Amino acid sequence: MDWLRVVLGLISIILLMILFIQTFRFKKEFKEAINDDRSISNIFVNKWDKKLSKGLILGVVAVIFGVIAIFLSY
């Protein structure tokens, strides 16, 4: 079971890193969109709405894997 804990922990860490990178990109594009025309276009909103909904699912999965890895360590 030790290898399963390690694998689940690594998957959780990788998913959280992907979320961190995605959040950084969102903040960068958001600042650019605000600086360009002082408003947020519908294209920007639709694009990031899809990406952030995927990010929410990734976050939930990462937390579940992390909790399972913690419980397996006991």
PDB file of N, CA and C in Angstrom:
ATOM      1  N   MET A   1       0.812  -1.193   0.000  1.00  0.00           N
ATOM      2  CA  MET A   1       0.000   0.000   0.000  1.00  0.00           C
ATOM      3  C   MET A   1       0.858   1.261   0.000  1.00  0.00           C
ATOM      4  N   ASP A   2       2.132   1.109   0.320  1.00  0.00           N
ATOM      5  CA  ASP A   2       3.009   2.271   0.351  1.00  0.00           C
ATOM      6  C   ASP A   2       3.166   2.869  -1.046  1.00  0.00           C
ATOM      7  N   TRP A   3       3.282   2.021  -2.061  1.00  0.00           N
ATOM      8  CA  TRP A   3       3.437   2.531  -3.425  1.00  0.00           C
ATOM      9  C   TRP A   3       2.168   3.251  -3.883  1.00  0.00           C
ATOM     10  N   LEU A   4       1.002   2.773  -3.439  1.00  0.00           N
ATOM     11  CA  LEU A   4      -0.259   3.415  -3.800  1.00  0.00           C
ATOM     12  C   LEU A   4      -0.350   4.809  -3.179  1.00  0.00           C
ATOM     13  N   ARG A   5       0.111   4.942  -1.951  1.00  0.00           N
ATOM     14  CA  ARG A   5       0.117   6.245  -1.284  1.00  0.00           C
ATOM     15  C   ARG A   5       1.019   7.218  -2.027  1.00  0.00           C
ATOM     16  N   VAL A   6       2.176   6.731  -2.450  1.00  0.00           N
ATOM     17  CA  VAL A   6       3.118   7.592  -3.174  1.00  0.00           C
ATOM     18  C   VAL A   6       2.534   8.018  -4.521  1.00  0.00           C
ATOM     19  N   VAL A   7       1.935   7.086  -5.234  1.00  0.00           N
ATOM     20  CA  VAL A   7       1.361   7.396  -6.546  1.00  0.00           C
ATOM     21  C   VAL A   7       0.219   8.402  -6.413  1.00  0.00           C
ATOM     22  N   LEU A   8      -0.672   8.179  -5.458  1.00  0.00           N
ATOM     23  CA  LEU A   8      -1.783   9.113  -5.263  1.00  0.00           C
ATOM     24  C   LEU A   8      -1.288  10.491  -4.829  1.00  0.00           C
ATOM     25  N   GLY A   9      -0.269  10.520  -3.996  1.00  0.00           N
ATOM     26  CA  GLY A   9       0.314  11.794  -3.586  1.00  0.00           C
ATOM     27  C   GLY A   9       0.935  12.542  -4.758  1.00  0.00           C
ATOM     28  N   LEU A  10       1.650  11.816  -5.620  1.00  0.00           N
ATOM     29  CA  LEU A  10       2.254  12.445  -6.797  1.00  0.00           C
ATOM     30  C   LEU A  10       1.193  12.962  -7.763  1.00  0.00           C
ATOM     31  N   ILE A  11       0.140  12.173  -7.968  1.00  0.00           N
ATOM     32  CA  ILE A  11      -0.944  12.624  -8.844  1.00  0.00           C
ATOM     33  C   ILE A  11      -1.571  13.893  -8.283  1.00  0.00           C
ATOM     34  N   SER A  12      -1.782  13.925  -6.992  1.00  0.00           N
ATOM     35  CA  SER A  12      -2.363  15.102  -6.353  1.00  0.00           C
ATOM     36  C   SER A  12      -1.470  16.325  -6.530  1.00  0.00           C
ATOM     37  N   ILE A  13      -0.183  16.154  -6.328  1.00  0.00           N
ATOM     38  CA  ILE A  13       0.761  17.271  -6.477  1.00  0.00           C
ATOM     39  C   ILE A  13       0.801  17.759  -7.916  1.00  0.00           C
ATOM     40  N   ILE A  14       0.813  16.848  -8.877  1.00  0.00           N
ATOM     41  CA  ILE A  14       0.846  17.232 -10.290  1.00  0.00           C
ATOM     42  C   ILE A  14      -0.417  17.995 -10.674  1.00  0.00           C
ATOM     43  N   LEU A  15      -1.571  17.518 -10.221  1.00  0.00           N
ATOM     44  CA  LEU A  15      -2.822  18.218 -10.524  1.00  0.00           C
ATOM     45  C   LEU A  15      -2.846  19.613  -9.905  1.00  0.00           C
ATOM     46  N   LEU A  16      -2.339  19.746  -8.698  1.00  0.00           N
ATOM     47  CA  LEU A  16      -2.295  21.064  -8.061  1.00  0.00           C
ATOM     48  C   LEU A  16      -1.320  21.999  -8.774  1.00  0.00           C
ATOM     49  N   MET A  17      -0.225  21.462  -9.312  1.00  0.00           N
ATOM     50  CA  MET A  17       0.709  22.280 -10.088  1.00  0.00           C
ATOM     51  C   MET A  17       0.048  22.767 -11.376  1.00  0.00           C
ATOM     52  N   ILE A  18      -0.721  21.900 -12.026  1.00  0.00           N
ATOM     53  CA  ILE A  18      -1.447  22.300 -13.234  1.00  0.00           C
ATOM     54  C   ILE A  18      -2.422  23.423 -12.911  1.00  0.00           C
ATOM     55  N   LEU A  19      -3.109  23.310 -11.785  1.00  0.00           N
ATOM     56  CA  LEU A  19      -4.040  24.363 -11.371  1.00  0.00           C
ATOM     57  C   LEU A  19      -3.319  25.675 -11.088  1.00  0.00           C
ATOM     58  N   PHE A  20      -2.141  25.591 -10.480  1.00  0.00           N
ATOM     59  CA  PHE A  20      -1.356  26.790 -10.193  1.00  0.00           C
ATOM     60  C   PHE A  20      -0.954  27.490 -11.485  1.00  0.00           C
ATOM     61  N   ILE A  21      -0.492  26.724 -12.462  1.00  0.00           N
ATOM     62  CA  ILE A  21      -0.093  27.293 -13.751  1.00  0.00           C
ATOM     63  C   ILE A  21      -1.293  27.921 -14.447  1.00  0.00           C
ATOM     64  N   GLN A  22      -2.434  27.238 -14.408  1.00  0.00           N
ATOM     65  CA  GLN A  22      -3.638  27.759 -15.040  1.00  0.00           C
ATOM     66  C   GLN A  22      -4.096  29.053 -14.366  1.00  0.00           C
ATOM     67  N   THR A  23      -3.998  29.122 -13.064  1.00  0.00           N
ATOM     68  CA  THR A  23      -4.373  30.337 -12.342  1.00  0.00           C
ATOM     69  C   THR A  23      -3.446  31.489 -12.707  1.00  0.00           C
ATOM     70  N   PHE A  24      -2.150  31.213 -12.832  1.00  0.00           N
ATOM     71  CA  PHE A  24      -1.194  32.240 -13.224  1.00  0.00           C
ATOM     72  C   PHE A  24      -1.523  32.767 -14.615  1.00  0.00           C
ATOM     73  N   ARG A  25      -1.845  31.872 -15.550  1.00  0.00           N
ATOM     74  CA  ARG A  25      -2.203  32.300 -16.909  1.00  0.00           C
ATOM     75  C   ARG A  25      -3.475  33.141 -16.904  1.00  0.00           C
ATOM     76  N   PHE A  26      -4.446  32.738 -16.088  1.00  0.00           N
ATOM     77  CA  PHE A  26      -5.697  33.499 -16.007  1.00  0.00           C
ATOM     78  C   PHE A  26      -5.431  34.918 -15.517  1.00  0.00           C
ATOM     79  N   LYS A  27      -4.649  35.042 -14.460  1.00  0.00           N
ATOM     80  CA  LYS A  27      -4.354  36.372 -13.922  1.00  0.00           C
ATOM     81  C   LYS A  27      -3.641  37.233 -14.958  1.00  0.00           C
ATOM     82  N   LYS A  28      -2.710  36.632 -15.699  1.00  0.00           N
ATOM     83  CA  LYS A  28      -1.963  37.364 -16.714  1.00  0.00           C
ATOM     84  C   LYS A  28      -2.891  37.833 -17.836  1.00  0.00           C
ATOM     85  N   GLU A  29      -3.725  36.935 -18.354  1.00  0.00           N
ATOM     86  CA  GLU A  29      -4.654  37.312 -19.417  1.00  0.00           C
ATOM     87  C   GLU A  29      -5.703  38.301 -18.926  1.00  0.00           C
ATOM     88  N   PHE A  30      -6.118  38.160 -17.685  1.00  0.00           N
ATOM     89  CA  PHE A  30      -7.111  39.076 -17.126  1.00  0.00           C
ATOM     90  C   PHE A  30      -6.552  40.490 -17.065  1.00  0.00           C
ATOM     91  N   LYS A  31      -5.316  40.628 -16.614  1.00  0.00           N
ATOM     92  CA  LYS A  31      -4.692  41.953 -16.567  1.00  0.00           C
ATOM     93  C   LYS A  31      -4.556  42.540 -17.963  1.00  0.00           C
ATOM     94  N   GLU A  32      -4.174  41.701 -18.948  1.00  0.00           N
ATOM     95  CA  GLU A  32      -4.046  42.184 -20.322  1.00  0.00           C
ATOM     96  C   GLU A  32      -5.399  42.616 -20.883  1.00  0.00           C
ATOM     97  N   ALA A  33      -6.444  41.851 -20.585  1.00  0.00           N
ATOM     98  CA  ALA A  33      -7.782  42.200 -21.081  1.00  0.00           C
ATOM     99  C   ALA A  33      -8.258  43.510 -20.471  1.00  0.00           C
ATOM    100  N   ILE A  34      -7.987  43.709 -19.207  1.00  0.00           N
ATOM    101  CA  ILE A  34      -8.383  44.957 -18.545  1.00  0.00           C
ATOM    102  C   ILE A  34      -7.580  46.132 -19.099  1.00  0.00           C
ATOM    103  N   ASN A  35      -6.287  45.935 -19.320  1.00  0.00           N
ATOM    104  CA  ASN A  35      -5.447  47.017 -19.828  1.00  0.00           C
ATOM    105  C   ASN A  35      -5.777  47.372 -21.273  1.00  0.00           C
ATOM    106  N   ASP A  36      -6.222  46.389 -22.062  1.00  0.00           N
ATOM    107  CA  ASP A  36      -6.502  46.653 -23.471  1.00  0.00           C
ATOM    108  C   ASP A  36      -7.717  47.551 -23.667  1.00  0.00           C
ATOM    109  N   ASP A  37      -8.840  47.183 -23.064  1.00  0.00           N
ATOM    110  CA  ASP A  37     -10.044  47.956 -23.347  1.00  0.00           C
ATOM    111  C   ASP A  37     -10.878  48.286 -22.113  1.00  0.00           C
ATOM    112  N   ARG A  38     -10.342  48.068 -20.949  1.00  0.00           N
ATOM    113  CA  ARG A  38     -11.007  48.389 -19.681  1.00  0.00           C
ATOM    114  C   ARG A  38     -12.338  47.654 -19.487  1.00  0.00           C
ATOM    115  N   SER A  39     -12.537  46.610 -20.247  1.00  0.00           N
ATOM    116  CA  SER A  39     -13.728  45.780 -20.046  1.00  0.00           C
ATOM    117  C   SER A  39     -13.377  44.348 -20.431  1.00  0.00           C
ATOM    118  N   ILE A  40     -14.208  43.440 -20.003  1.00  0.00           N
ATOM    119  CA  ILE A  40     -13.953  42.034 -20.290  1.00  0.00           C
ATOM    120  C   ILE A  40     -14.895  41.605 -21.405  1.00  0.00           C
ATOM    121  N   SER A  41     -14.329  41.089 -22.482  1.00  0.00           N
ATOM    122  CA  SER A  41     -15.145  40.689 -23.622  1.00  0.00           C
ATOM    123  C   SER A  41     -15.820  39.345 -23.370  1.00  0.00           C
ATOM    124  N   ASN A  42     -16.851  39.084 -24.151  1.00  0.00           N
ATOM    125  CA  ASN A  42     -17.562  37.809 -24.034  1.00  0.00           C
ATOM    126  C   ASN A  42     -16.683  36.638 -24.448  1.00  0.00           C
ATOM    127  N   ILE A  43     -15.794  36.851 -25.396  1.00  0.00           N
ATOM    128  CA  ILE A  43     -14.881  35.792 -25.834  1.00  0.00           C
ATOM    129  C   ILE A  43     -13.985  35.378 -24.675  1.00  0.00           C
ATOM    130  N   PHE A  44     -13.456  36.362 -23.968  1.00  0.00           N
ATOM    131  CA  PHE A  44     -12.606  36.078 -22.811  1.00  0.00           C
ATOM    132  C   PHE A  44     -13.381  35.314 -21.744  1.00  0.00           C
ATOM    133  N   VAL A  45     -14.592  35.753 -21.473  1.00  0.00           N
ATOM    134  CA  VAL A  45     -15.407  35.117 -20.436  1.00  0.00           C
ATOM    135  C   VAL A  45     -15.742  33.685 -20.814  1.00  0.00           C
ATOM    136  N   ASN A  46     -16.151  33.455 -22.052  1.00  0.00           N
ATOM    137  CA  ASN A  46     -16.499  32.097 -22.483  1.00  0.00           C
ATOM    138  C   ASN A  46     -15.292  31.169 -22.461  1.00  0.00           C
ATOM    139  N   LYS A  47     -14.147  31.675 -22.905  1.00  0.00           N
ATOM    140  CA  LYS A  47     -12.927  30.858 -22.930  1.00  0.00           C
ATOM    141  C   LYS A  47     -12.540  30.426 -21.521  1.00  0.00           C
ATOM    142  N   TRP A  48     -12.506  31.370 -20.608  1.00  0.00           N
ATOM    143  CA  TRP A  48     -12.058  31.049 -19.255  1.00  0.00           C
ATOM    144  C   TRP A  48     -13.134  30.378 -18.423  1.00  0.00           C
ATOM    145  N   ASP A  49     -14.385  30.518 -18.806  1.00  0.00           N
ATOM    146  CA  ASP A  49     -15.443  29.797 -18.101  1.00  0.00           C
ATOM    147  C   ASP A  49     -15.257  28.294 -18.284  1.00  0.00           C
ATOM    148  N   LYS A  50     -14.943  27.887 -19.505  1.00  0.00           N
ATOM    149  CA  LYS A  50     -14.689  26.466 -19.774  1.00  0.00           C
ATOM    150  C   LYS A  50     -13.438  25.986 -19.048  1.00  0.00           C
ATOM    151  N   LYS A  51     -12.376  26.783 -19.121  1.00  0.00           N
ATOM    152  CA  LYS A  51     -11.119  26.365 -18.496  1.00  0.00           C
ATOM    153  C   LYS A  51     -11.230  26.300 -16.974  1.00  0.00           C
ATOM    154  N   LEU A  52     -11.930  27.245 -16.379  1.00  0.00           N
ATOM    155  CA  LEU A  52     -12.038  27.256 -14.925  1.00  0.00           C
ATOM    156  C   LEU A  52     -12.968  26.165 -14.407  1.00  0.00           C
ATOM    157  N   SER A  53     -13.946  25.765 -15.213  1.00  0.00           N
ATOM    158  CA  SER A  53     -14.789  24.647 -14.784  1.00  0.00           C
ATOM    159  C   SER A  53     -13.982  23.351 -14.796  1.00  0.00           C
ATOM    160  N   LYS A  54     -13.087  23.204 -15.772  1.00  0.00           N
ATOM    161  CA  LYS A  54     -12.177  22.051 -15.773  1.00  0.00           C
ATOM    162  C   LYS A  54     -11.233  22.132 -14.577  1.00  0.00           C
ATOM    163  N   GLY A  55     -10.809  23.328 -14.254  1.00  0.00           N
ATOM    164  CA  GLY A  55      -9.926  23.523 -13.108  1.00  0.00           C
ATOM    165  C   GLY A  55     -10.589  23.159 -11.799  1.00  0.00           C
ATOM    166  N   LEU A  56     -11.865  23.443 -11.689  1.00  0.00           N
ATOM    167  CA  LEU A  56     -12.606  23.071 -10.483  1.00  0.00           C
ATOM    168  C   LEU A  56     -12.647  21.556 -10.323  1.00  0.00           C
ATOM    169  N   ILE A  57     -12.888  20.864 -11.419  1.00  0.00           N
ATOM    170  CA  ILE A  57     -12.905  19.397 -11.377  1.00  0.00           C
ATOM    171  C   ILE A  57     -11.522  18.867 -11.010  1.00  0.00           C
ATOM    172  N   LEU A  58     -10.471  19.441 -11.601  1.00  0.00           N
ATOM    173  CA  LEU A  58      -9.104  19.022 -11.266  1.00  0.00           C
ATOM    174  C   LEU A  58      -8.805  19.255  -9.793  1.00  0.00           C
ATOM    175  N   GLY A  59      -9.263  20.368  -9.270  1.00  0.00           N
ATOM    176  CA  GLY A  59      -9.039  20.667  -7.857  1.00  0.00           C
ATOM    177  C   GLY A  59      -9.713  19.668  -6.939  1.00  0.00           C
ATOM    178  N   VAL A  60     -10.947  19.321  -7.255  1.00  0.00           N
ATOM    179  CA  VAL A  60     -11.669  18.345  -6.436  1.00  0.00           C
ATOM    180  C   VAL A  60     -10.979  16.988  -6.492  1.00  0.00           C
ATOM    181  N   VAL A  61     -10.569  16.573  -7.683  1.00  0.00           N
ATOM    182  CA  VAL A  61      -9.880  15.285  -7.831  1.00  0.00           C
ATOM    183  C   VAL A  61      -8.555  15.298  -7.076  1.00  0.00           C
ATOM    184  N   ALA A  62      -7.817  16.409  -7.150  1.00  0.00           N
ATOM    185  CA  ALA A  62      -6.540  16.506  -6.446  1.00  0.00           C
ATOM    186  C   ALA A  62      -6.735  16.404  -4.937  1.00  0.00           C
ATOM    187  N   VAL A  63      -7.760  17.060  -4.424  1.00  0.00           N
ATOM    188  CA  VAL A  63      -8.029  16.995  -2.985  1.00  0.00           C
ATOM    189  C   VAL A  63      -8.418  15.575  -2.577  1.00  0.00           C
ATOM    190  N   ILE A  64      -9.238  14.924  -3.379  1.00  0.00           N
ATOM    191  CA  ILE A  64      -9.638  13.544  -3.070  1.00  0.00           C
ATOM    192  C   ILE A  64      -8.426  12.625  -3.050  1.00  0.00           C
ATOM    193  N   PHE A  65      -7.563  12.736  -4.070  1.00  0.00           N
ATOM    194  CA  PHE A  65      -6.353  11.907  -4.099  1.00  0.00           C
ATOM    195  C   PHE A  65      -5.449  12.210  -2.912  1.00  0.00           C
ATOM    196  N   GLY A  66      -5.336  13.480  -2.558  1.00  0.00           N
ATOM    197  CA  GLY A  66      -4.511  13.849  -1.411  1.00  0.00           C
ATOM    198  C   GLY A  66      -5.039  13.284  -0.106  1.00  0.00           C
ATOM    199  N   VAL A  67      -6.348  13.344   0.080  1.00  0.00           N
ATOM    200  CA  VAL A  67      -6.954  12.800   1.301  1.00  0.00           C
ATOM    201  C   VAL A  67      -6.777  11.288   1.359  1.00  0.00           C
ATOM    202  N   ILE A  68      -6.961  10.615   0.233  1.00  0.00           N
ATOM    203  CA  ILE A  68      -6.760   9.159   0.203  1.00  0.00           C
ATOM    204  C   ILE A  68      -5.315   8.815   0.531  1.00  0.00           C
ATOM    205  N   ALA A  69      -4.368   9.588  -0.017  1.00  0.00           N
ATOM    206  CA  ALA A  69      -2.954   9.334   0.269  1.00  0.00           C
ATOM    207  C   ALA A  69      -2.655   9.528   1.752  1.00  0.00           C
ATOM    208  N   ILE A  70      -3.272  10.519   2.367  1.00  0.00           N
ATOM    209  CA  ILE A  70      -3.062  10.746   3.803  1.00  0.00           C
ATOM    210  C   ILE A  70      -3.630   9.595   4.616  1.00  0.00           C
ATOM    211  N   PHE A  71      -4.832   9.147   4.269  1.00  0.00           N
ATOM    212  CA  PHE A  71      -5.435   8.033   5.008  1.00  0.00           C
ATOM    213  C   PHE A  71      -4.652   6.735   4.826  1.00  0.00           C
ATOM    214  N   LEU A  72      -4.035   6.555   3.659  1.00  0.00           N
ATOM    215  CA  LEU A  72      -3.243   5.348   3.434  1.00  0.00           C
ATOM    216  C   LEU A  72      -1.933   5.358   4.220  1.00  0.00           C
ATOM    217  N   SER A  73      -1.512   6.526   4.663  1.00  0.00           N
ATOM    218  CA  SER A  73      -0.256   6.593   5.408  1.00  0.00           C
ATOM    219  C   SER A  73      -0.420   6.154   6.858  1.00  0.00           C
ATOM    220  N   TYR A  74      -1.654   6.030   7.326  1.00  0.00           N
ATOM    221  CA  TYR A  74      -1.880   5.610   8.717  1.00  0.00           C
ATOM    222  C   TYR A  74      -2.003   4.129   8.835  1.00  0.00           C
TER     223      TYR A  74
END
